[in-house]
Amino acid sequence: MDLSLFPRIQLGHFPTPLEPMANLTAVLGGPRLWVKRDDCTGLSSGGNKTRKLEYLMAEAIAARADVVITQGATQSNHARQTAAAAAKLGMKCHILLEDRTGSTDPDYTDNGNVLLNRLHGATVERRAGGTNMQQEMEQLAERLKADGARPYVIPGGGSNPVGALGYVSAAAELVSQAATLGLRIDHLVHATGSAGTQAGLVAGLHGLNSDIKLLGIGTRAPKEKQETMVYDLACRTAEHLRMRAPVARESVVANCDYVGAGYGIPTPGMQEAVELLARTEGLLLDPVYSGKGMAGLIDLIRKGHFKTTDNVVFLHTGGSVALFGYAEAFGLKGPQG
């Protein structure tokens, strides 16, 4: 598993911190909780997509691209980090945003990540929910080519074998940090959506022969669909890395009981998780991914899923900028007494 074989450009601040969450551990009565701070990657307020973009943007540069195209939901963290990466590297950026919630709240449609997309200089276009976004990006790429541009298309979430290399690298980083601390990690828990983060971790832990148990908390798709997407991408990532041993299907586990009414739609568990982390650890989660991921972790702890002696690491994928689009969900919109 030699990541040095693949082009990579430095965009983030690595390694990200691995910190104990002593207050949350005490509130929940165990297990021993830790947080891997990928909200601290540095690019436009940070987030997990920065790791993927280090490989994706390197490939774009190698292809002599002068504009990147990507897509996501209205409050896409991936879109914001892609816009920032393009600005840093002197490229243009076109973002297509899909309406997946139906919200017309101006804070949701124009604040948070959307505001930062524009601040970074990206062109933002909107599409209705259910649109074939890959097709839309390809059609836009053809129009840009006709105008003489050299576009590079990045899939939603940066989730392809190139982008997933970012989380192969993250797996190695985490294992190294744990060894330095003398920490035995029993479980690694994170939010899983477009599959790239989990697929990269699966492939990375596989390549390292690690016995850390990985659990993705789903934010969009049903369990079978989510696990199938992750396993397929993990296998393609392992193949991209020329790993000899195949990825085991049982290494891909997703719990999709915490999605609620749909992607990006608030749940009581998410609201509790965001408020609890803000008030016990001073950590800001996001309402779409890490908030629902932490809601799942909290509920599983309360149900006795983990031993009190286990060391459980939560991968914080960032995205707190999206909170500015969800003030109403937390009862914080308008004048406060």
Protein backbone atom coordinates (compact mmCIF):
# COMPACT_ATOMS: atom_id res chain seq x y z
CA MET A 1 0.00 0.00 0.00
CA ASP A 2 2.21 2.78 -1.31
CA LEU A 3 0.41 6.13 -1.47
CA SER A 4 3.57 7.87 -2.71
CA LEU A 5 2.81 6.43 -6.16
CA PHE A 6 -0.13 8.80 -6.56
CA PRO A 7 0.04 12.56 -7.22
CA ARG A 8 -0.98 14.66 -4.22
CA ILE A 9 -0.97 18.39 -3.58
CA GLN A 10 -0.92 19.84 -0.07
CA LEU A 11 -4.14 21.65 0.80
CA GLY A 12 -4.74 20.73 4.44
CA HIS A 13 -3.18 20.75 7.89
CA PHE A 14 -2.13 17.22 8.78
CA PRO A 15 -2.05 15.26 10.96
CA THR A 16 -5.34 16.41 12.47
CA PRO A 17 -5.60 16.13 16.27
CA LEU A 18 -6.75 12.99 18.07
CA GLU A 19 -8.27 14.15 21.34
CA PRO A 20 -10.10 12.60 24.31
CA MET A 21 -13.71 13.61 24.96
CA ALA A 22 -13.62 13.23 28.74
CA ASN A 23 -16.73 15.31 29.45
CA LEU A 24 -18.89 13.44 26.96
CA THR A 25 -17.54 10.13 28.28
CA ALA A 26 -18.60 11.13 31.80
CA VAL A 27 -22.06 12.29 30.69
CA LEU A 28 -22.73 9.03 28.82
CA GLY A 29 -21.07 6.76 31.38
CA GLY A 30 -18.51 5.29 28.97
CA PRO A 31 -17.04 3.94 26.74
CA ARG A 32 -13.83 6.01 26.54
CA LEU A 33 -14.55 8.48 23.75
CA TRP A 34 -12.05 10.18 21.46
CA VAL A 35 -12.44 12.49 18.48
CA LYS A 36 -10.34 12.59 15.31
CA ARG A 37 -10.54 16.26 14.38
CA ASP A 38 -10.93 16.29 10.61
CA ASP A 39 -12.89 19.49 11.14
CA CYS A 40 -9.39 20.97 11.56
CA THR A 41 -8.05 20.27 8.07
CA GLY A 42 -7.78 24.02 7.53
CA LEU A 43 -9.19 24.56 4.04
CA SER A 44 -12.10 27.02 4.23
CA SER A 45 -12.95 26.09 7.85
CA GLY A 46 -11.91 22.45 7.32
CA GLY A 47 -13.68 19.16 6.80
CA ASN A 48 -13.12 15.66 5.49
CA LYS A 49 -13.28 16.54 1.80
CA THR A 50 -9.91 18.30 1.99
CA ARG A 51 -8.13 14.95 2.23
CA LYS A 52 -9.87 13.75 -0.94
CA LEU A 53 -9.22 17.00 -2.77
CA GLU A 54 -5.48 16.70 -2.23
CA TYR A 55 -5.53 13.74 -4.63
CA LEU A 56 -8.34 14.92 -6.90
CA MET A 57 -6.91 18.38 -7.48
CA ALA A 58 -3.47 16.89 -8.11
CA GLU A 59 -5.03 14.78 -10.86
CA ALA A 60 -6.79 17.88 -12.22
CA ILE A 61 -3.46 19.72 -12.38
CA ALA A 62 -1.83 16.74 -14.10
CA ALA A 63 -4.64 16.89 -16.69
CA ARG A 64 -3.89 20.63 -17.19
CA ALA A 65 -7.44 21.54 -16.17
CA ASP A 66 -8.30 25.21 -15.71
CA VAL A 67 -11.79 24.70 -14.26
CA VAL A 68 -13.30 22.11 -11.92
CA ILE A 69 -16.94 21.06 -11.79
CA THR A 70 -18.63 19.35 -8.88
CA GLN A 71 -22.06 18.86 -7.33
CA GLY A 72 -23.76 18.37 -3.99
CA ALA A 73 -26.78 19.26 -1.89
CA THR A 74 -27.58 22.91 -1.15
CA GLN A 75 -25.46 23.00 2.02
CA SER A 76 -22.70 20.81 0.58
CA ASN A 77 -19.45 20.88 2.58
CA HIS A 78 -17.73 19.22 -0.36
CA ALA A 79 -18.75 22.03 -2.71
CA ARG A 80 -17.38 24.67 -0.32
CA GLN A 81 -14.03 22.93 0.08
CA THR A 82 -13.78 22.34 -3.69
CA ALA A 83 -14.43 26.04 -4.33
CA ALA A 84 -11.68 26.92 -1.83
CA ALA A 85 -9.22 24.45 -3.35
CA ALA A 86 -9.87 25.84 -6.82
CA ALA A 87 -9.32 29.40 -5.57
CA LYS A 88 -6.06 28.39 -3.89
CA LEU A 89 -4.80 26.75 -7.07
CA GLY A 90 -5.91 29.50 -9.44
CA MET A 91 -8.66 27.51 -11.14
CA LYS A 92 -12.26 28.40 -11.87
CA CYS A 93 -14.99 26.38 -10.16
CA HIS A 94 -18.54 25.55 -11.22
CA ILE A 95 -20.86 24.10 -8.58
CA LEU A 96 -24.25 22.48 -9.20
CA LEU A 97 -26.44 22.31 -6.09
CA GLU A 98 -29.32 19.85 -5.84
CA ASP A 99 -32.35 20.67 -3.69
CA ARG A 100 -32.69 17.57 -1.51
CA THR A 101 -34.77 19.05 1.33
CA GLY A 102 -37.32 21.37 -0.28
CA SER A 103 -36.44 24.12 2.22
CA THR A 104 -37.06 27.69 1.09
CA ASP A 105 -35.61 29.30 4.22
CA PRO A 106 -33.22 32.01 2.94
CA ASP A 107 -30.69 31.03 5.62
CA TYR A 108 -30.61 27.52 4.17
CA THR A 109 -30.63 28.48 0.50
CA ASP A 110 -28.17 31.40 0.65
CA ASN A 111 -26.20 31.32 3.93
CA GLY A 112 -23.62 28.88 5.33
CA ASN A 113 -21.81 26.89 2.68
CA VAL A 114 -23.66 28.64 -0.17
CA LEU A 115 -22.36 32.02 0.95
CA LEU A 116 -18.79 30.67 1.15
CA ASN A 117 -19.04 29.06 -2.30
CA ARG A 118 -19.68 32.50 -3.73
CA LEU A 119 -17.09 34.18 -1.52
CA HIS A 120 -14.48 31.79 -2.94
CA GLY A 121 -15.52 32.92 -6.43
CA ALA A 122 -17.35 29.81 -7.59
CA THR A 123 -20.21 29.89 -10.08
CA VAL A 124 -23.27 28.36 -8.41
CA GLU A 125 -26.24 26.85 -10.26
CA ARG A 126 -29.22 25.05 -8.76
CA ARG A 127 -31.01 21.88 -9.80
CA ALA A 128 -34.27 20.28 -8.64
CA GLY A 129 -34.22 17.27 -6.36
CA GLY A 130 -33.89 13.96 -8.19
CA THR A 131 -31.89 15.45 -11.08
CA ASN A 132 -29.23 13.21 -12.62
CA MET A 133 -26.37 15.30 -11.28
CA GLN A 134 -23.58 13.32 -12.93
CA GLN A 135 -25.22 13.86 -16.30
CA GLU A 136 -25.66 17.56 -15.55
CA MET A 137 -21.95 17.90 -14.76
CA GLU A 138 -20.95 16.07 -17.93
CA GLN A 139 -23.19 18.29 -20.04
CA LEU A 140 -21.70 21.38 -18.40
CA ALA A 141 -18.22 20.05 -19.08
CA GLU A 142 -19.04 19.67 -22.77
CA ARG A 143 -20.32 23.26 -22.94
CA LEU A 144 -17.17 24.54 -21.27
CA LYS A 145 -14.97 22.52 -23.64
CA ALA A 146 -16.81 24.08 -26.58
CA ASP A 147 -15.82 27.48 -25.16
CA GLY A 148 -12.17 26.44 -25.02
CA ALA A 149 -11.93 25.54 -21.31
CA ARG A 150 -10.28 22.42 -19.89
CA PRO A 151 -12.74 21.09 -17.27
CA TYR A 152 -12.14 18.39 -14.68
CA VAL A 153 -15.25 16.76 -13.20
CA ILE A 154 -15.21 15.79 -9.52
CA PRO A 155 -18.01 13.45 -8.36
CA GLY A 156 -20.26 14.41 -5.48
CA GLY A 157 -18.40 14.09 -2.19
CA GLY A 158 -15.17 13.48 -4.09
CA SER A 159 -16.14 9.84 -3.87
CA ASN A 160 -14.19 7.81 -6.41
CA PRO A 161 -11.01 5.71 -6.06
CA VAL A 162 -8.80 8.79 -6.42
CA GLY A 163 -10.65 10.77 -3.75
CA ALA A 164 -10.88 7.76 -1.44
CA LEU A 165 -7.07 7.72 -1.25
CA GLY A 166 -7.44 10.63 1.16
CA TYR A 167 -9.01 8.31 3.70
CA VAL A 168 -6.59 5.50 3.03
CA SER A 169 -4.00 8.04 4.15
CA ALA A 170 -6.20 9.05 7.11
CA ALA A 171 -6.37 5.43 8.28
CA ALA A 172 -2.56 5.26 8.32
CA GLU A 173 -2.39 8.61 10.12
CA LEU A 174 -4.83 7.49 12.81
CA VAL A 175 -3.08 4.16 13.40
CA SER A 176 0.25 5.99 13.74
CA GLN A 177 -1.19 8.49 16.21
CA ALA A 178 -2.70 5.71 18.31
CA ALA A 179 0.65 3.89 18.41
CA THR A 180 2.40 7.06 19.56
CA LEU A 181 -0.17 7.52 22.34
CA GLY A 182 -0.14 3.85 23.29
CA LEU A 183 -3.87 3.83 22.57
CA ARG A 184 -5.75 0.71 21.56
CA ILE A 185 -8.63 1.79 19.32
CA ASP A 186 -11.50 -0.68 19.46
CA HIS A 187 -14.02 1.16 17.27
CA LEU A 188 -13.94 3.97 14.73
CA VAL A 189 -17.34 5.61 14.08
CA HIS A 190 -18.21 8.24 11.47
CA ALA A 191 -21.01 9.59 9.29
CA THR A 192 -21.24 7.94 5.87
CA GLY A 193 -22.97 9.43 2.82
CA SER A 194 -21.43 9.46 -0.65
CA ALA A 195 -19.25 6.49 0.45
CA GLY A 196 -15.76 7.87 -0.21
CA THR A 197 -14.72 8.42 3.40
CA GLN A 198 -15.84 5.00 4.59
CA ALA A 199 -14.51 3.23 1.49
CA GLY A 200 -11.10 4.83 1.95
CA LEU A 201 -11.03 3.86 5.62
CA VAL A 202 -12.08 0.29 4.81
CA ALA A 203 -9.33 -0.04 2.19
CA GLY A 204 -6.77 1.66 4.40
CA LEU A 205 -7.45 -0.42 7.51
CA HIS A 206 -7.46 -3.52 5.29
CA GLY A 207 -4.08 -2.62 3.84
CA LEU A 208 -2.70 -2.04 7.34
CA ASN A 209 -4.11 -5.34 8.65
CA SER A 210 -5.75 -3.31 11.41
CA ASP A 211 -8.34 -4.89 13.70
CA ILE A 212 -10.14 -1.60 14.39
CA LYS A 213 -13.88 -2.10 13.91
CA LEU A 214 -15.27 0.52 11.56
CA LEU A 215 -18.89 1.68 11.71
CA GLY A 216 -20.51 4.17 9.36
CA ILE A 217 -23.67 5.94 10.51
CA GLY A 218 -25.75 6.52 7.38
CA THR A 219 -27.04 9.98 6.50
CA ARG A 220 -28.98 9.28 3.32
CA ALA A 221 -29.42 5.77 1.87
CA PRO A 222 -30.94 2.59 3.36
CA LYS A 223 -28.49 0.12 4.89
CA GLU A 224 -28.24 -2.34 1.99
CA LYS A 225 -27.72 0.39 -0.60
CA GLN A 226 -25.21 2.24 1.57
CA GLU A 227 -23.13 -0.84 2.31
CA THR A 228 -23.18 -1.87 -1.35
CA MET A 229 -21.93 1.57 -2.43
CA VAL A 230 -19.17 1.55 0.17
CA TYR A 231 -18.06 -2.01 -0.59
CA ASP A 232 -17.96 -1.37 -4.33
CA LEU A 233 -15.85 1.75 -3.90
CA ALA A 234 -13.60 0.10 -1.29
CA CYS A 235 -12.89 -2.73 -3.73
CA ARG A 236 -12.15 -0.29 -6.55
CA THR A 237 -9.90 1.73 -4.25
CA ALA A 238 -7.99 -1.40 -3.19
CA GLU A 239 -7.61 -2.31 -6.86
CA HIS A 240 -6.37 1.23 -7.59
CA LEU A 241 -3.77 0.68 -4.85
CA ARG A 242 -2.89 -2.73 -6.37
CA MET A 243 -3.64 -4.55 -3.13
CA ARG A 244 -3.38 -8.31 -3.54
CA ALA A 245 -5.82 -9.47 -0.86
CA PRO A 246 -9.50 -8.69 -1.55
CA VAL A 247 -11.52 -6.49 0.78
CA ALA A 248 -13.83 -8.58 2.98
CA ARG A 249 -17.52 -7.78 2.60
CA GLU A 250 -18.01 -8.08 6.36
CA SER A 251 -15.60 -5.18 6.92
CA VAL A 252 -18.25 -2.81 5.54
CA VAL A 253 -20.87 -2.02 8.18
CA ALA A 254 -23.36 0.85 8.08
CA ASN A 255 -26.14 1.62 10.53
CA CYS A 256 -28.77 3.68 8.72
CA ASP A 257 -31.33 3.96 11.53
CA TYR A 258 -30.60 7.65 12.15
CA VAL A 259 -31.34 9.23 8.77
CA GLY A 260 -34.81 10.34 9.86
CA ALA A 261 -37.17 11.78 7.23
CA GLY A 262 -34.35 12.19 4.71
CA TYR A 263 -30.99 13.66 3.80
CA GLY A 264 -30.36 17.03 5.42
CA ILE A 265 -33.66 17.01 7.30
CA PRO A 266 -33.19 17.60 11.05
CA THR A 267 -33.94 14.89 13.61
CA PRO A 268 -34.35 15.20 17.39
CA GLY A 269 -31.29 12.98 17.86
CA MET A 270 -29.17 15.24 15.66
CA GLN A 271 -30.33 18.33 17.52
CA GLU A 272 -29.48 16.73 20.87
CA ALA A 273 -26.07 15.59 19.63
CA VAL A 274 -25.11 19.01 18.25
CA GLU A 275 -26.18 20.78 21.43
CA LEU A 276 -24.56 18.19 23.73
CA LEU A 277 -21.18 18.37 21.98
CA ALA A 278 -21.28 22.16 21.88
CA ARG A 279 -22.01 22.36 25.60
CA THR A 280 -19.78 19.57 26.92
CA GLU A 281 -16.76 19.57 24.60
CA GLY A 282 -16.93 22.97 22.88
CA LEU A 283 -17.15 21.12 19.56
CA LEU A 284 -19.34 22.21 16.67
CA LEU A 285 -20.84 19.37 14.63
CA ASP A 286 -22.85 19.87 11.46
CA PRO A 287 -26.58 19.14 11.06
CA VAL A 288 -26.31 16.85 8.02
CA TYR A 289 -23.37 14.47 8.59
CA SER A 290 -21.45 14.64 11.86
CA GLY A 291 -24.57 15.59 13.83
CA LYS A 292 -26.45 12.49 12.70
CA GLY A 293 -23.29 10.40 13.02
CA MET A 294 -22.88 11.47 16.63
CA ALA A 295 -26.62 10.96 17.27
CA GLY A 296 -26.14 7.34 16.19
CA LEU A 297 -23.07 6.90 18.38
CA ILE A 298 -24.85 8.37 21.43
CA ASP A 299 -27.89 6.14 20.96
CA LEU A 300 -25.75 3.03 20.49
CA ILE A 301 -23.84 3.84 23.68
CA ARG A 302 -27.11 4.18 25.59
CA LYS A 303 -28.23 0.81 24.20
CA GLY A 304 -25.05 -0.88 25.46
CA HIS A 305 -23.54 -1.53 22.02
CA PHE A 306 -20.01 -0.85 23.34
CA LYS A 307 -18.15 -2.07 26.41
CA THR A 308 -17.43 0.63 28.98
CA THR A 309 -13.72 -0.23 28.65
CA ASP A 310 -13.69 0.24 24.86
CA ASN A 311 -11.84 3.11 23.23
CA VAL A 312 -14.16 4.58 20.60
CA VAL A 313 -12.93 7.21 18.16
CA PHE A 314 -15.46 9.47 16.44
CA LEU A 315 -14.23 10.88 13.14
CA HIS A 316 -15.39 14.49 13.02
CA THR A 317 -15.91 15.19 9.32
CA GLY A 318 -16.42 18.95 9.82
CA GLY A 319 -19.13 21.08 8.25
CA SER A 320 -20.14 23.39 11.10
CA VAL A 321 -20.59 26.20 8.54
CA ALA A 322 -23.90 24.53 7.63
CA LEU A 323 -25.26 25.36 11.10
CA PHE A 324 -25.88 28.90 9.84
CA GLY A 325 -28.46 27.41 7.49
CA TYR A 326 -30.25 25.54 10.29
CA ALA A 327 -30.85 28.16 12.99
CA GLU A 328 -34.60 27.46 12.97
CA ALA A 329 -34.02 23.75 13.70
CA PHE A 330 -32.33 24.71 16.98
CA GLY A 331 -34.89 27.33 17.94
CA LEU A 332 -32.27 30.05 17.48
CA LYS A 333 -33.84 32.05 14.64
CA GLY A 334 -34.88 35.60 15.43
CA PRO A 335 -34.45 37.65 18.63
CA GLN A 336 -33.44 35.70 21.71
CA GLY A 337 -34.47 36.56 25.25
